[in-house]
C-alpha atoms as a PDB file:
ATOM      1  CA  MET A   1     182.734  31.547 161.118  1.00  0.00           C
ATOM      2  CA  SER A   2     185.796  30.241 159.479  1.00  0.00           C
ATOM      3  CA  GLY A   3     187.023  30.562 155.920  1.00  0.00           C
ATOM      4  CA  SER A   4     187.632  27.710 153.484  1.00  0.00           C
ATOM      5  CA  GLY A   5     190.951  26.789 155.101  1.00  0.00           C
ATOM      6  CA  GLY A   6     189.562  26.704 158.643  1.00  0.00           C
ATOM      7  CA  ALA A   7     191.202  30.021 159.492  1.00  0.00           C
ATOM      8  CA  PRO A   8     189.112  32.783 161.040  1.00  0.00           C
ATOM      9  CA  ALA A   9     187.360  34.919 158.439  1.00  0.00           C
ATOM     10  CA  ALA A  10     188.049  38.257 160.151  1.00  0.00           C
ATOM     11  CA  PRO A  11     190.765  38.712 162.762  1.00  0.00           C
ATOM     12  CA  ALA A  12     189.658  40.278 165.994  1.00  0.00           C
ATOM     13  CA  SER A  13     190.940  43.776 166.527  1.00  0.00           C
ATOM     14  CA  SER A  14     193.472  43.862 169.331  1.00  0.00           C
ATOM     15  CA  ALA A  15     193.533  47.660 169.615  1.00  0.00           C
ATOM     16  CA  PRO A  16     190.940  48.998 172.057  1.00  0.00           C
ATOM     17  CA  PRO A  17     188.844  51.897 170.877  1.00  0.00           C
ATOM     18  CA  ALA A  18     190.356  55.241 171.746  1.00  0.00           C
ATOM     19  CA  GLN A  19     187.036  56.429 173.145  1.00  0.00           C
ATOM     20  CA  GLU A  20     187.768  54.680 176.411  1.00  0.00           C
ATOM     21  CA  GLU A  21     190.487  57.169 177.301  1.00  0.00           C
ATOM     22  CA  GLY A  22     188.487  58.779 180.074  1.00  0.00           C
ATOM     23  CA  MET A  23     185.215  59.796 178.420  1.00  0.00           C
ATOM     24  CA  THR A  24     182.074  58.993 180.351  1.00  0.00           C
ATOM     25  CA  TRP A  25     179.229  57.258 178.573  1.00  0.00           C
ATOM     26  CA  TRP A  26     176.979  60.328 178.600  1.00  0.00           C
ATOM     27  CA  TYR A  27     179.711  62.584 177.192  1.00  0.00           C
ATOM     28  CA  ARG A  28     180.427  60.064 174.435  1.00  0.00           C
ATOM     29  CA  TRP A  29     176.729  60.057 173.528  1.00  0.00           C
ATOM     30  CA  LEU A  30     176.626  63.858 173.679  1.00  0.00           C
ATOM     31  CA  CYS A  31     179.462  63.997 171.163  1.00  0.00           C
ATOM     32  CA  ARG A  32     177.738  61.485 168.903  1.00  0.00           C
ATOM     33  CA  LEU A  33     174.390  63.282 169.159  1.00  0.00           C
ATOM     34  CA  SER A  34     175.965  66.624 168.306  1.00  0.00           C
ATOM     35  CA  GLY A  35     177.670  64.981 165.335  1.00  0.00           C
ATOM     36  CA  ILE A  36     174.403  63.557 164.081  1.00  0.00           C
ATOM     37  CA  LEU A  37     172.528  66.824 164.611  1.00  0.00           C
ATOM     38  CA  GLY A  38     175.391  68.740 163.051  1.00  0.00           C
ATOM     39  CA  ALA A  39     175.221  66.504 160.021  1.00  0.00           C
ATOM     40  CA  GLN A  40     171.506  66.328 159.478  1.00  0.00           C
ATOM     41  CA  LEU A  41     169.981  69.528 160.725  1.00  0.00           C
ATOM     42  CA  SER A  42     172.826  71.911 160.308  1.00  0.00           C
ATOM     43  CA  CYS A  43     175.190  70.977 157.488  1.00  0.00           C
ATOM     44  CA  ALA A  44     172.861  69.147 155.126  1.00  0.00           C
ATOM     45  CA  ILE A  45     169.976  71.602 155.207  1.00  0.00           C
ATOM     46  CA  SER A  46     172.204  74.693 155.077  1.00  0.00           C
ATOM     47  CA  GLY A  47     174.272  73.120 152.323  1.00  0.00           C
ATOM     48  CA  LEU A  48     171.133  72.500 150.320  1.00  0.00           C
ATOM     49  CA  PHE A  49     170.099  76.133 150.752  1.00  0.00           C
ATOM     50  CA  ASN A  50     173.563  77.222 149.657  1.00  0.00           C
ATOM     51  CA  CYS A  51     173.267  75.158 146.475  1.00  0.00           C
ATOM     52  CA  ILE A  52     170.042  76.918 145.437  1.00  0.00           C
ATOM     53  CA  THR A  53     171.767  79.863 143.772  1.00  0.00           C
ATOM     54  CA  ILE A  54     173.589  80.845 140.606  1.00  0.00           C
ATOM     55  CA  HIS A  55     176.834  81.855 142.334  1.00  0.00           C
ATOM     56  CA  PRO A  56     179.477  79.150 141.917  1.00  0.00           C
ATOM     57  CA  VAL A  57     181.182  79.962 145.234  1.00  0.00           C
ATOM     58  CA  ASN A  58     177.917  79.391 147.114  1.00  0.00           C
ATOM     59  CA  ILE A  59     177.423  76.129 145.263  1.00  0.00           C
ATOM     60  CA  ALA A  60     180.965  74.987 146.141  1.00  0.00           C
ATOM     61  CA  ALA A  61     180.418  75.797 149.817  1.00  0.00           C
ATOM     62  CA  GLY A  62     177.038  74.053 149.731  1.00  0.00           C
ATOM     63  CA  VAL A  63     178.450  70.907 148.153  1.00  0.00           C
ATOM     64  CA  TRP A  64     181.239  70.870 150.752  1.00  0.00           C
ATOM     65  CA  MET A  65     178.666  71.215 153.537  1.00  0.00           C
ATOM     66  CA  ILE A  66     176.606  68.326 152.147  1.00  0.00           C
ATOM     67  CA  MET A  67     179.803  66.264 151.943  1.00  0.00           C
ATOM     68  CA  ASN A  68     180.558  67.213 155.580  1.00  0.00           C
ATOM     69  CA  ALA A  69     177.072  66.048 156.545  1.00  0.00           C
ATOM     70  CA  PHE A  70     177.641  62.711 154.847  1.00  0.00           C
ATOM     71  CA  ILE A  71     181.052  62.209 156.470  1.00  0.00           C
ATOM     72  CA  LEU A  72     179.759  63.167 159.935  1.00  0.00           C
ATOM     73  CA  LEU A  73     176.851  60.777 159.538  1.00  0.00           C
ATOM     74  CA  LEU A  74     179.159  58.039 158.300  1.00  0.00           C
ATOM     75  CA  CYS A  75     181.539  58.487 161.240  1.00  0.00           C
ATOM     76  CA  GLU A  76     179.069  59.075 164.072  1.00  0.00           C
ATOM     77  CA  ALA A  77     176.012  57.048 163.002  1.00  0.00           C
ATOM     78  CA  PRO A  78     176.974  54.282 160.581  1.00  0.00           C
ATOM     79  CA  PHE A  79     173.598  52.607 161.102  1.00  0.00           C
ATOM     80  CA  CYS A  80     172.085  55.432 159.039  1.00  0.00           C
ATOM     81  CA  CYS A  81     174.307  54.420 156.103  1.00  0.00           C
ATOM     82  CA  GLN A  82     173.549  50.693 155.968  1.00  0.00           C
ATOM     83  CA  PHE A  83     173.329  50.746 152.182  1.00  0.00           C
ATOM     84  CA  ILE A  84     177.028  51.622 151.984  1.00  0.00           C
ATOM     85  CA  GLU A  85     179.244  48.566 152.286  1.00  0.00           C
ATOM     86  CA  PHE A  86     182.231  50.261 153.901  1.00  0.00           C
ATOM     87  CA  ALA A  87     180.261  52.288 156.489  1.00  0.00           C
ATOM     88  CA  ASN A  88     181.005  50.013 159.441  1.00  0.00           C
ATOM     89  CA  THR A  89     184.681  49.768 158.504  1.00  0.00           C
ATOM     90  CA  VAL A  90     185.026  53.550 158.384  1.00  0.00           C
ATOM     91  CA  ALA A  91     183.144  53.944 161.669  1.00  0.00           C
ATOM     92  CA  GLU A  92     185.419  51.408 163.396  1.00  0.00           C
ATOM     93  CA  LYS A  93     188.528  53.202 162.154  1.00  0.00           C
ATOM     94  CA  VAL A  94     187.172  56.565 163.293  1.00  0.00           C
ATOM     95  CA  ASP A  95     186.332  55.091 166.712  1.00  0.00           C
ATOM     96  CA  ARG A  96     189.998  54.110 167.086  1.00  0.00           C
ATOM     97  CA  LEU A  97     191.123  57.713 166.597  1.00  0.00           C
ATOM     98  CA  ARG A  98     192.018  59.742 169.637  1.00  0.00           C
ATOM     99  CA  SER A  99     189.738  62.570 170.687  1.00  0.00           C
ATOM    100  CA  TRP A 100     192.120  65.320 169.613  1.00  0.00           C
ATOM    101  CA  GLN A 101     192.405  63.775 166.146  1.00  0.00           C
ATOM    102  CA  LYS A 102     188.632  63.768 165.792  1.00  0.00           C
ATOM    103  CA  ALA A 103     188.520  67.349 167.017  1.00  0.00           C
ATOM    104  CA  VAL A 104     191.017  68.533 164.412  1.00  0.00           C
ATOM    105  CA  PHE A 105     189.243  66.582 161.668  1.00  0.00           C
ATOM    106  CA  TYR A 106     185.722  67.807 162.494  1.00  0.00           C
ATOM    107  CA  CYS A 107     186.729  71.422 163.113  1.00  0.00           C
ATOM    108  CA  GLY A 108     188.793  71.444 159.926  1.00  0.00           C
ATOM    109  CA  MET A 109     185.882  70.094 157.909  1.00  0.00           C
ATOM    110  CA  ALA A 110     183.582  72.753 159.366  1.00  0.00           C
ATOM    111  CA  VAL A 111     185.943  75.653 158.698  1.00  0.00           C
ATOM    112  CA  VAL A 112     186.518  74.973 154.985  1.00  0.00           C
ATOM    113  CA  PRO A 113     183.036  76.086 153.764  1.00  0.00           C
ATOM    114  CA  ILE A 114     183.327  79.233 155.866  1.00  0.00           C
ATOM    115  CA  ILE A 115     186.650  80.006 154.197  1.00  0.00           C
ATOM    116  CA  ILE A 116     185.118  79.339 150.773  1.00  0.00           C
ATOM    117  CA  ASN A 117     182.087  81.568 151.340  1.00  0.00           C
ATOM    118  CA  LEU A 118     181.582  83.596 154.509  1.00  0.00           C
ATOM    119  CA  THR A 119     177.819  83.998 154.842  1.00  0.00           C
ATOM    120  CA  LEU A 120     175.341  83.577 157.648  1.00  0.00           C
ATOM    121  CA  THR A 121     174.149  80.293 156.144  1.00  0.00           C
ATOM    122  CA  THR A 122     177.620  78.769 156.162  1.00  0.00           C
ATOM    123  CA  LEU A 123     178.351  80.076 159.666  1.00  0.00           C
ATOM    124  CA  LEU A 124     175.149  78.734 161.179  1.00  0.00           C
ATOM    125  CA  GLY A 125     175.265  75.608 159.060  1.00  0.00           C
ATOM    126  CA  ASN A 126     178.684  74.605 160.319  1.00  0.00           C
ATOM    127  CA  ALA A 127     178.224  75.736 163.920  1.00  0.00           C
ATOM    128  CA  ILE A 128     177.039  72.393 165.286  1.00  0.00           C
ATOM    129  CA  ALA A 129     179.608  70.460 163.258  1.00  0.00           C
ATOM    130  CA  PHE A 130     182.325  72.730 164.672  1.00  0.00           C
ATOM    131  CA  ALA A 131     180.844  72.281 168.153  1.00  0.00           C
ATOM    132  CA  THR A 132     181.218  68.519 167.727  1.00  0.00           C
ATOM    133  CA  GLY A 133     184.925  69.026 167.131  1.00  0.00           C
ATOM    134  CA  VAL A 134     185.127  71.295 170.159  1.00  0.00           C
ATOM    135  CA  LEU A 135     183.431  68.656 172.335  1.00  0.00           C
ATOM    136  CA  TYR A 136     185.944  66.040 171.211  1.00  0.00           C
ATOM    137  CA  GLY A 137     188.752  68.535 171.840  1.00  0.00           C
ATOM    138  CA  LEU A 138     187.540  69.185 175.359  1.00  0.00           C
ATOM    139  CA  SER A 139     187.461  65.467 176.048  1.00  0.00           C
ATOM    140  CA  ALA A 140     191.070  65.261 174.881  1.00  0.00           C
ATOM    141  CA  LEU A 141     192.066  67.751 177.589  1.00  0.00           C
ATOM    142  CA  GLY A 142     190.876  65.361 180.267  1.00  0.00           C
ATOM    143  CA  LYS A 143     189.086  65.764 183.538  1.00  0.00           C
ATOM    144  CA  LYS A 144     189.436  68.811 185.686  1.00  0.00           C
ATOM    145  CA  GLY A 145     191.428  68.239 188.848  1.00  0.00           C
ATOM    146  CA  ASP A 146     190.020  68.773 192.300  1.00  0.00           C
ATOM    147  CA  ALA A 147     190.920  71.795 194.387  1.00  0.00           C
ATOM    148  CA  ILE A 148     192.856  69.852 197.021  1.00  0.00           C
ATOM    149  CA  SER A 149     195.324  68.311 194.592  1.00  0.00           C
ATOM    150  CA  TYR A 150     195.708  71.652 192.786  1.00  0.00           C
ATOM    151  CA  ALA A 151     196.488  73.409 196.101  1.00  0.00           C
ATOM    152  CA  ARG A 152     199.024  70.689 196.964  1.00  0.00           C
ATOM    153  CA  ILE A 153     200.790  71.132 193.618  1.00  0.00           C
ATOM    154  CA  GLN A 154     200.853  74.904 194.057  1.00  0.00           C
ATOM    155  CA  GLN A 155     202.294  74.538 197.565  1.00  0.00           C
ATOM    156  CA  GLN A 156     205.033  72.212 196.296  1.00  0.00           C
ATOM    157  CA  ARG A 157     205.935  74.683 193.541  1.00  0.00           C
ATOM    158  CA  GLN A 158     206.013  77.542 196.018  1.00  0.00           C
ATOM    159  CA  GLN A 159     208.305  75.590 198.353  1.00  0.00           C
ATOM    160  CA  ALA A 160     210.608  74.723 195.455  1.00  0.00           C
ATOM    161  CA  ASP A 161     210.739  78.369 194.405  1.00  0.00           C
ATOM    162  CA  GLU A 162     211.518  79.470 197.979  1.00  0.00           C
ATOM    163  CA  GLU A 163     214.311  76.889 198.241  1.00  0.00           C
ATOM    164  CA  LYS A 164     215.833  78.101 194.970  1.00  0.00           C
ATOM    165  CA  LEU A 165     215.628  81.691 196.157  1.00  0.00           C
ATOM    166  CA  ALA A 166     217.265  80.776 199.486  1.00  0.00           C
ATOM    167  CA  GLU A 167     220.075  78.943 197.657  1.00  0.00           C
ATOM    168  CA  THR A 168     220.768  81.919 195.392  1.00  0.00           C
ATOM    169  CA  LEU A 169     220.786  84.292 198.363  1.00  0.00           C
ATOM    170  CA  GLU A 170     223.192  82.035 200.270  1.00  0.00           C
ATOM    171  CA  GLY A 171     225.404  81.797 197.190  1.00  0.00           C
ATOM    172  CA  GLU A 172     225.646  85.602 197.003  1.00  0.00           C
ATOM    173  CA  LEU A 173     226.731  85.951 200.641  1.00  0.00           C
END
């Protein structure tokens, strides 16, 4: 796999994917599955229904929803877009994004059609796509701590507050 000069054809990526920042395998697949379902079942079908009208605002929201479906499918399931040459490149770049960046991107994409045309079709059509962004946002927050470590931190804060209070009282006397 070398080029004409004997150099490697494609350099190996040295940056690890950002998905390995604490997400479990099942949560990563849950996010991907919600992205795929949000694209296919929710955005694409609702966008198509929005486009079947004579109102230009509905058509604009419907086209945006179909575009959202395509982008979600391109980012979360590039194997569904094998006929597009740059699909794997885009998917690799999206996989390198942090979870909070994906959350902002997906939620922002889902909110735009609702801002364009607030109807039940756009709300329900973008619900799963928005939920995908929320799932990525929750993964960005990290794991929940256990009760023992939380109690220890609270006790340390309470002791620090009591020491500060004792110092201020001694300073007043």
